Amino acid sequence: MGELKKWRDQKWVRIGTDGKIKGPCGTSKNKKNPDRCLPLAKARRLSKKALAATAKKKKAAGRRGKQFVRNTRTVRSA
């Protein structure tokens, strides 16, 4: 099976800066500085605090013009 198919089957969701799942990935109103997206299974494994931290990191870097922002260490290791 192709890697793109595997990626699409993971059901990616959008994470808000409050640490809550906001809906499917790609539905952010702010197209210039979108929310953090993660696979649903990973988002459910993590605490609200960890989700909020990675979402805030993405938003802060997006305000500085960065498009690709690495996840926090807690999220990467989960």
PDB file of N, CA and C in Angstrom:
ATOM      1  N   MET A   1       0.845  -1.175   0.000  1.00  0.00           N
ATOM      2  CA  MET A   1       0.000   0.000   0.000  1.00  0.00           C
ATOM      3  C   MET A   1       0.893   1.242   0.000  1.00  0.00           C
ATOM      4  N   GLY A   2       0.480   2.261  -0.726  1.00  0.00           N
ATOM      5  CA  GLY A   2       1.270   3.481  -0.828  1.00  0.00           C
ATOM      6  C   GLY A   2       1.267   4.291   0.459  1.00  0.00           C
ATOM      7  N   GLU A   3       2.321   5.064   0.637  1.00  0.00           N
ATOM      8  CA  GLU A   3       2.464   5.884   1.847  1.00  0.00           C
ATOM      9  C   GLU A   3       1.370   6.945   1.942  1.00  0.00           C
ATOM     10  N   LEU A   4       0.989   7.532   0.813  1.00  0.00           N
ATOM     11  CA  LEU A   4      -0.060   8.544   0.830  1.00  0.00           C
ATOM     12  C   LEU A   4      -1.392   7.942   1.294  1.00  0.00           C
ATOM     13  N   LYS A   5      -1.682   6.734   0.854  1.00  0.00           N
ATOM     14  CA  LYS A   5      -2.925   6.069   1.279  1.00  0.00           C
ATOM     15  C   LYS A   5      -2.905   5.815   2.779  1.00  0.00           C
ATOM     16  N   LYS A   6      -1.762   5.370   3.305  1.00  0.00           N
ATOM     17  CA  LYS A   6      -1.640   5.140   4.751  1.00  0.00           C
ATOM     18  C   LYS A   6      -1.872   6.440   5.514  1.00  0.00           C
ATOM     19  N   TRP A   7      -1.278   7.524   5.005  1.00  0.00           N
ATOM     20  CA  TRP A   7      -1.408   8.827   5.651  1.00  0.00           C
ATOM     21  C   TRP A   7      -2.861   9.292   5.664  1.00  0.00           C
ATOM     22  N   ARG A   8      -3.557   9.113   4.561  1.00  0.00           N
ATOM     23  CA  ARG A   8      -4.963   9.541   4.481  1.00  0.00           C
ATOM     24  C   ARG A   8      -5.860   8.715   5.386  1.00  0.00           C
ATOM     25  N   ASP A   9      -5.527   7.454   5.588  1.00  0.00           N
ATOM     26  CA  ASP A   9      -6.342   6.581   6.431  1.00  0.00           C
ATOM     27  C   ASP A   9      -6.183   6.861   7.921  1.00  0.00           C
ATOM     28  N   GLN A  10      -5.240   7.737   8.295  1.00  0.00           N
ATOM     29  CA  GLN A  10      -5.002   8.028   9.708  1.00  0.00           C
ATOM     30  C   GLN A  10      -6.005   9.004  10.309  1.00  0.00           C
ATOM     31  N   LYS A  11      -6.875   9.601   9.519  1.00  0.00           N
ATOM     32  CA  LYS A  11      -7.879  10.558   9.984  1.00  0.00           C
ATOM     33  C   LYS A  11      -7.249  11.702  10.785  1.00  0.00           C
ATOM     34  N   TRP A  12      -6.639  12.645  10.109  1.00  0.00           N
ATOM     35  CA  TRP A  12      -5.961  13.769  10.738  1.00  0.00           C
ATOM     36  C   TRP A  12      -6.978  14.771  11.254  1.00  0.00           C
ATOM     37  N   VAL A  13      -6.698  15.322  12.435  1.00  0.00           N
ATOM     38  CA  VAL A  13      -7.592  16.291  13.062  1.00  0.00           C
ATOM     39  C   VAL A  13      -6.825  17.567  13.405  1.00  0.00           C
ATOM     40  N   ARG A  14      -7.568  18.651  13.526  1.00  0.00           N
ATOM     41  CA  ARG A  14      -7.019  19.967  13.828  1.00  0.00           C
ATOM     42  C   ARG A  14      -7.031  20.167  15.341  1.00  0.00           C
ATOM     43  N   ILE A  15      -5.928  20.677  15.889  1.00  0.00           N
ATOM     44  CA  ILE A  15      -5.785  20.887  17.326  1.00  0.00           C
ATOM     45  C   ILE A  15      -5.749  22.387  17.598  1.00  0.00           C
ATOM     46  N   GLY A  16      -6.595  22.852  18.518  1.00  0.00           N
ATOM     47  CA  GLY A  16      -6.618  24.266  18.890  1.00  0.00           C
ATOM     48  C   GLY A  16      -5.599  24.565  19.969  1.00  0.00           C
ATOM     49  N   THR A  17      -5.342  25.845  20.200  1.00  0.00           N
ATOM     50  CA  THR A  17      -4.359  26.248  21.203  1.00  0.00           C
ATOM     51  C   THR A  17      -4.842  25.967  22.622  1.00  0.00           C
ATOM     52  N   ASP A  18      -6.108  25.593  22.769  1.00  0.00           N
ATOM     53  CA  ASP A  18      -6.625  25.209  24.083  1.00  0.00           C
ATOM     54  C   ASP A  18      -6.449  23.714  24.348  1.00  0.00           C
ATOM     55  N   GLY A  19      -5.913  22.968  23.376  1.00  0.00           N
ATOM     56  CA  GLY A  19      -5.652  21.544  23.544  1.00  0.00           C
ATOM     57  C   GLY A  19      -6.811  20.651  23.164  1.00  0.00           C
ATOM     58  N   LYS A  20      -7.829  21.219  22.536  1.00  0.00           N
ATOM     59  CA  LYS A  20      -9.006  20.435  22.140  1.00  0.00           C
ATOM     60  C   LYS A  20      -8.955  20.124  20.649  1.00  0.00           C
ATOM     61  N   ILE A  21      -9.576  19.009  20.283  1.00  0.00           N
ATOM     62  CA  ILE A  21      -9.710  18.639  18.873  1.00  0.00           C
ATOM     63  C   ILE A  21     -10.816  19.501  18.284  1.00  0.00           C
ATOM     64  N   LYS A  22     -10.496  20.238  17.225  1.00  0.00           N
ATOM     65  CA  LYS A  22     -11.424  21.206  16.647  1.00  0.00           C
ATOM     66  C   LYS A  22     -12.164  20.711  15.413  1.00  0.00           C
ATOM     67  N   GLY A  23     -11.754  19.582  14.845  1.00  0.00           N
ATOM     68  CA  GLY A  23     -12.401  19.075  13.645  1.00  0.00           C
ATOM     69  C   GLY A  23     -11.369  18.496  12.698  1.00  0.00           C
ATOM     70  N   PRO A  24     -11.787  18.175  11.490  1.00  0.00           N
ATOM     71  CA  PRO A  24     -10.850  17.597  10.529  1.00  0.00           C
ATOM     72  C   PRO A  24      -9.767  18.578  10.101  1.00  0.00           C
ATOM     73  N   CYS A  25      -8.619  18.053   9.769  1.00  0.00           N
ATOM     74  CA  CYS A  25      -7.498  18.865   9.319  1.00  0.00           C
ATOM     75  C   CYS A  25      -7.860  19.548   7.998  1.00  0.00           C
ATOM     76  N   GLY A  26      -7.404  20.771   7.835  1.00  0.00           N
ATOM     77  CA  GLY A  26      -7.674  21.505   6.599  1.00  0.00           C
ATOM     78  C   GLY A  26      -8.897  22.392   6.679  1.00  0.00           C
ATOM     79  N   THR A  27      -9.545  22.471   7.853  1.00  0.00           N
ATOM     80  CA  THR A  27     -10.742  23.285   7.978  1.00  0.00           C
ATOM     81  C   THR A  27     -10.494  24.569   8.756  1.00  0.00           C
ATOM     82  N   SER A  28      -9.240  24.933   8.945  1.00  0.00           N
ATOM     83  CA  SER A  28      -8.899  26.145   9.681  1.00  0.00           C
ATOM     84  C   SER A  28      -9.337  27.374   8.887  1.00  0.00           C
ATOM     85  N   LYS A  29      -9.921  28.346   9.559  1.00  0.00           N
ATOM     86  CA  LYS A  29     -10.362  29.576   8.895  1.00  0.00           C
ATOM     87  C   LYS A  29      -9.172  30.445   8.491  1.00  0.00           C
ATOM     88  N   ASN A  30      -8.113  30.392   9.273  1.00  0.00           N
ATOM     89  CA  ASN A  30      -6.927  31.206   9.019  1.00  0.00           C
ATOM     90  C   ASN A  30      -5.987  30.426   8.092  1.00  0.00           C
ATOM     91  N   LYS A  31      -6.053  30.704   6.822  1.00  0.00           N
ATOM     92  CA  LYS A  31      -5.246  29.965   5.846  1.00  0.00           C
ATOM     93  C   LYS A  31      -3.776  30.379   5.866  1.00  0.00           C
ATOM     94  N   LYS A  32      -3.469  31.581   6.333  1.00  0.00           N
ATOM     95  CA  LYS A  32      -2.085  32.049   6.401  1.00  0.00           C
ATOM     96  C   LYS A  32      -1.338  31.430   7.576  1.00  0.00           C
ATOM     97  N   ASN A  33      -2.055  31.144   8.671  1.00  0.00           N
ATOM     98  CA  ASN A  33      -1.445  30.579   9.874  1.00  0.00           C
ATOM     99  C   ASN A  33      -2.379  29.490  10.422  1.00  0.00           C
ATOM    100  N   PRO A  34      -2.408  28.316   9.776  1.00  0.00           N
ATOM    101  CA  PRO A  34      -3.356  27.272  10.169  1.00  0.00           C
ATOM    102  C   PRO A  34      -3.017  26.621  11.510  1.00  0.00           C
ATOM    103  N   ASP A  35      -3.995  25.896  12.037  1.00  0.00           N
ATOM    104  CA  ASP A  35      -3.820  25.173  13.291  1.00  0.00           C
ATOM    105  C   ASP A  35      -2.938  23.945  13.079  1.00  0.00           C
ATOM    106  N   ARG A  36      -2.454  23.377  14.179  1.00  0.00           N
ATOM    107  CA  ARG A  36      -1.657  22.142  14.155  1.00  0.00           C
ATOM    108  C   ARG A  36      -2.576  20.976  13.811  1.00  0.00           C
ATOM    109  N   CYS A  37      -2.112  20.065  13.002  1.00  0.00           N
ATOM    110  CA  CYS A  37      -2.855  18.847  12.676  1.00  0.00           C
ATOM    111  C   CYS A  37      -2.053  17.633  13.128  1.00  0.00           C
ATOM    112  N   LEU A  38      -2.775  16.647  13.652  1.00  0.00           N
ATOM    113  CA  LEU A  38      -2.172  15.386  14.098  1.00  0.00           C
ATOM    114  C   LEU A  38      -3.111  14.248  13.751  1.00  0.00           C
ATOM    115  N   PRO A  39      -2.587  13.014  13.642  1.00  0.00           N
ATOM    116  CA  PRO A  39      -3.466  11.868  13.460  1.00  0.00           C
ATOM    117  C   PRO A  39      -4.372  11.719  14.693  1.00  0.00           C
ATOM    118  N   LEU A  40      -5.606  11.328  14.489  1.00  0.00           N
ATOM    119  CA  LEU A  40      -6.577  11.205  15.571  1.00  0.00           C
ATOM    120  C   LEU A  40      -6.091  10.281  16.683  1.00  0.00           C
ATOM    121  N   ALA A  41      -5.486   9.156  16.328  1.00  0.00           N
ATOM    122  CA  ALA A  41      -5.002   8.206  17.341  1.00  0.00           C
ATOM    123  C   ALA A  41      -3.952   8.852  18.238  1.00  0.00           C
ATOM    124  N   LYS A  42      -3.041   9.618  17.663  1.00  0.00           N
ATOM    125  CA  LYS A  42      -2.001  10.284  18.454  1.00  0.00           C
ATOM    126  C   LYS A  42      -2.613  11.379  19.315  1.00  0.00           C
ATOM    127  N   ALA A  43      -3.559  12.130  18.764  1.00  0.00           N
ATOM    128  CA  ALA A  43      -4.199  13.213  19.513  1.00  0.00           C
ATOM    129  C   ALA A  43      -4.936  12.670  20.736  1.00  0.00           C
ATOM    130  N   ARG A  44      -5.540  11.519  20.614  1.00  0.00           N
ATOM    131  CA  ARG A  44      -6.262  10.917  21.747  1.00  0.00           C
ATOM    132  C   ARG A  44      -5.315  10.389  22.816  1.00  0.00           C
ATOM    133  N   ARG A  45      -4.100  10.008  22.433  1.00  0.00           N
ATOM    134  CA  ARG A  45      -3.114   9.482  23.386  1.00  0.00           C
ATOM    135  C   ARG A  45      -2.506  10.572  24.255  1.00  0.00           C
ATOM    136  N   LEU A  46      -2.453  11.780  23.737  1.00  0.00           N
ATOM    137  CA  LEU A  46      -1.753  12.866  24.415  1.00  0.00           C
ATOM    138  C   LEU A  46      -2.665  13.643  25.364  1.00  0.00           C
ATOM    139  N   SER A  47      -2.049  14.303  26.337  1.00  0.00           N
ATOM    140  CA  SER A  47      -2.809  15.126  27.282  1.00  0.00           C
ATOM    141  C   SER A  47      -3.187  16.445  26.615  1.00  0.00           C
ATOM    142  N   LYS A  48      -4.167  17.130  27.208  1.00  0.00           N
ATOM    143  CA  LYS A  48      -4.566  18.438  26.690  1.00  0.00           C
ATOM    144  C   LYS A  48      -3.409  19.422  26.764  1.00  0.00           C
ATOM    145  N   LYS A  49      -2.611  19.314  27.805  1.00  0.00           N
ATOM    146  CA  LYS A  49      -1.476  20.216  27.991  1.00  0.00           C
ATOM    147  C   LYS A  49      -0.463  20.048  26.854  1.00  0.00           C
ATOM    148  N   ALA A  50      -0.166  18.794  26.483  1.00  0.00           N
ATOM    149  CA  ALA A  50       0.787  18.519  25.407  1.00  0.00           C
ATOM    150  C   ALA A  50       0.239  18.985  24.064  1.00  0.00           C
ATOM    151  N   LEU A  51      -1.056  18.775  23.832  1.00  0.00           N
ATOM    152  CA  LEU A  51      -1.674  19.217  22.586  1.00  0.00           C
ATOM    153  C   LEU A  51      -1.659  20.743  22.484  1.00  0.00           C
ATOM    154  N   ALA A  52      -1.974  21.410  23.586  1.00  0.00           N
ATOM    155  CA  ALA A  52      -1.983  22.873  23.594  1.00  0.00           C
ATOM    156  C   ALA A  52      -0.582  23.420  23.333  1.00  0.00           C
ATOM    157  N   ALA A  53       0.438  22.789  23.919  1.00  0.00           N
ATOM    158  CA  ALA A  53       1.818  23.257  23.749  1.00  0.00           C
ATOM    159  C   ALA A  53       2.259  23.178  22.293  1.00  0.00           C
ATOM    160  N   THR A  54       1.968  22.075  21.616  1.00  0.00           N
ATOM    161  CA  THR A  54       2.389  21.938  20.222  1.00  0.00           C
ATOM    162  C   THR A  54       1.589  22.864  19.311  1.00  0.00           C
ATOM    163  N   ALA A  55       0.307  23.083  19.622  1.00  0.00           N
ATOM    164  CA  ALA A  55      -0.510  23.997  18.820  1.00  0.00           C
ATOM    165  C   ALA A  55      -0.030  25.438  18.984  1.00  0.00           C
ATOM    166  N   LYS A  56       0.321  25.826  20.215  1.00  0.00           N
ATOM    167  CA  LYS A  56       0.819  27.180  20.465  1.00  0.00           C
ATOM    168  C   LYS A  56       2.158  27.406  19.766  1.00  0.00           C
ATOM    169  N   LYS A  57       3.003  26.373  19.762  1.00  0.00           N
ATOM    170  CA  LYS A  57       4.296  26.476  19.081  1.00  0.00           C
ATOM    171  C   LYS A  57       4.090  26.709  17.587  1.00  0.00           C
ATOM    172  N   LYS A  58       3.150  25.995  16.997  1.00  0.00           N
ATOM    173  CA  LYS A  58       2.850  26.131  15.566  1.00  0.00           C
ATOM    174  C   LYS A  58       2.314  27.529  15.258  1.00  0.00           C
ATOM    175  N   LYS A  59       1.406  28.024  16.078  1.00  0.00           N
ATOM    176  CA  LYS A  59       0.824  29.344  15.854  1.00  0.00           C
ATOM    177  C   LYS A  59       1.878  30.447  16.002  1.00  0.00           C
ATOM    178  N   ALA A  60       2.729  30.326  17.020  1.00  0.00           N
ATOM    179  CA  ALA A  60       3.754  31.343  17.261  1.00  0.00           C
ATOM    180  C   ALA A  60       4.741  31.410  16.101  1.00  0.00           C
ATOM    181  N   ALA A  61       5.179  30.272  15.615  1.00  0.00           N
ATOM    182  CA  ALA A  61       6.116  30.243  14.492  1.00  0.00           C
ATOM    183  C   ALA A  61       5.437  30.704  13.207  1.00  0.00           C
ATOM    184  N   GLY A  62       4.164  30.396  13.063  1.00  0.00           N
ATOM    185  CA  GLY A  62       3.407  30.835  11.889  1.00  0.00           C
ATOM    186  C   GLY A  62       3.297  32.342  11.814  1.00  0.00           C
ATOM    187  N   ARG A  63       3.187  32.989  12.973  1.00  0.00           N
ATOM    188  CA  ARG A  63       3.135  34.461  12.990  1.00  0.00           C
ATOM    189  C   ARG A  63       4.454  35.059  12.510  1.00  0.00           C
ATOM    190  N   ARG A  64       5.542  34.322  12.680  1.00  0.00           N
ATOM    191  CA  ARG A  64       6.857  34.788  12.220  1.00  0.00           C
ATOM    192  C   ARG A  64       7.116  34.397  10.767  1.00  0.00           C
ATOM    193  N   GLY A  65       6.150  33.758  10.121  1.00  0.00           N
ATOM    194  CA  GLY A  65       6.283  33.429   8.711  1.00  0.00           C
ATOM    195  C   GLY A  65       6.721  32.011   8.403  1.00  0.00           C
ATOM    196  N   LYS A  66       6.908  31.178   9.424  1.00  0.00           N
ATOM    197  CA  LYS A  66       7.318  29.801   9.165  1.00  0.00           C
ATOM    198  C   LYS A  66       6.104  28.955   8.787  1.00  0.00           C
ATOM    199  N   GLN A  67       6.274  28.115   7.776  1.00  0.00           N
ATOM    200  CA  GLN A  67       5.185  27.247   7.352  1.00  0.00           C
ATOM    201  C   GLN A  67       5.298  25.877   8.001  1.00  0.00           C
ATOM    202  N   PHE A  68       6.501  25.353   8.082  1.00  0.00           N
ATOM    203  CA  PHE A  68       6.715  24.021   8.638  1.00  0.00           C
ATOM    204  C   PHE A  68       7.362  24.154  10.010  1.00  0.00           C
ATOM    205  N   VAL A  69       6.667  23.653  11.034  1.00  0.00           N
ATOM    206  CA  VAL A  69       7.124  23.772  12.410  1.00  0.00           C
ATOM    207  C   VAL A  69       7.127  22.380  13.025  1.00  0.00           C
ATOM    208  N   ARG A  70       8.259  22.011  13.604  1.00  0.00           N
ATOM    209  CA  ARG A  70       8.397  20.697  14.213  1.00  0.00           C
ATOM    210  C   ARG A  70       7.547  20.599  15.486  1.00  0.00           C
ATOM    211  N   ASN A  71       7.003  19.409  15.753  1.00  0.00           N
ATOM    212  CA  ASN A  71       6.234  19.185  16.975  1.00  0.00           C
ATOM    213  C   ASN A  71       7.115  19.304  18.203  1.00  0.00           C
ATOM    214  N   THR A  72       6.487  19.447  19.348  1.00  0.00           N
ATOM    215  CA  THR A  72       7.230  19.465  20.595  1.00  0.00           C
ATOM    216  C   THR A  72       7.766  18.064  20.869  1.00  0.00           C
ATOM    217  N   ARG A  73       8.751  17.960  21.743  1.00  0.00           N
ATOM    218  CA  ARG A  73       9.393  16.683  22.035  1.00  0.00           C
ATOM    219  C   ARG A  73       8.387  15.648  22.561  1.00  0.00           C
ATOM    220  N   THR A  74       7.458  16.071  23.401  1.00  0.00           N
ATOM    221  CA  THR A  74       6.460  15.156  23.960  1.00  0.00           C
ATOM    222  C   THR A  74       5.602  14.524  22.865  1.00  0.00           C
ATOM    223  N   VAL A  75       5.207  15.314  21.904  1.00  0.00           N
ATOM    224  CA  VAL A  75       4.366  14.817  20.815  1.00  0.00           C
ATOM    225  C   VAL A  75       5.155  13.905  19.882  1.00  0.00           C
ATOM    226  N   ARG A  76       6.404  14.275  19.600  1.00  0.00           N
ATOM    227  CA  ARG A  76       7.233  13.433  18.715  1.00  0.00           C
ATOM    228  C   ARG A  76       7.458  12.056  19.299  1.00  0.00           C
ATOM    229  N   SER A  77       7.626  11.963  20.611  1.00  0.00           N
ATOM    230  CA  SER A  77       7.940  10.674  21.235  1.00  0.00           C
ATOM    231  C   SER A  77       6.706   9.822  21.510  1.00  0.00           C
ATOM    232  N   ALA A  78       5.534  10.395  21.397  1.00  0.00           N
ATOM    233  CA  ALA A  78       4.296   9.647  21.699  1.00  0.00           C
ATOM    234  C   ALA A  78       3.911   8.714  20.584  1.00  0.00           C
TER     235      ALA A  78
END
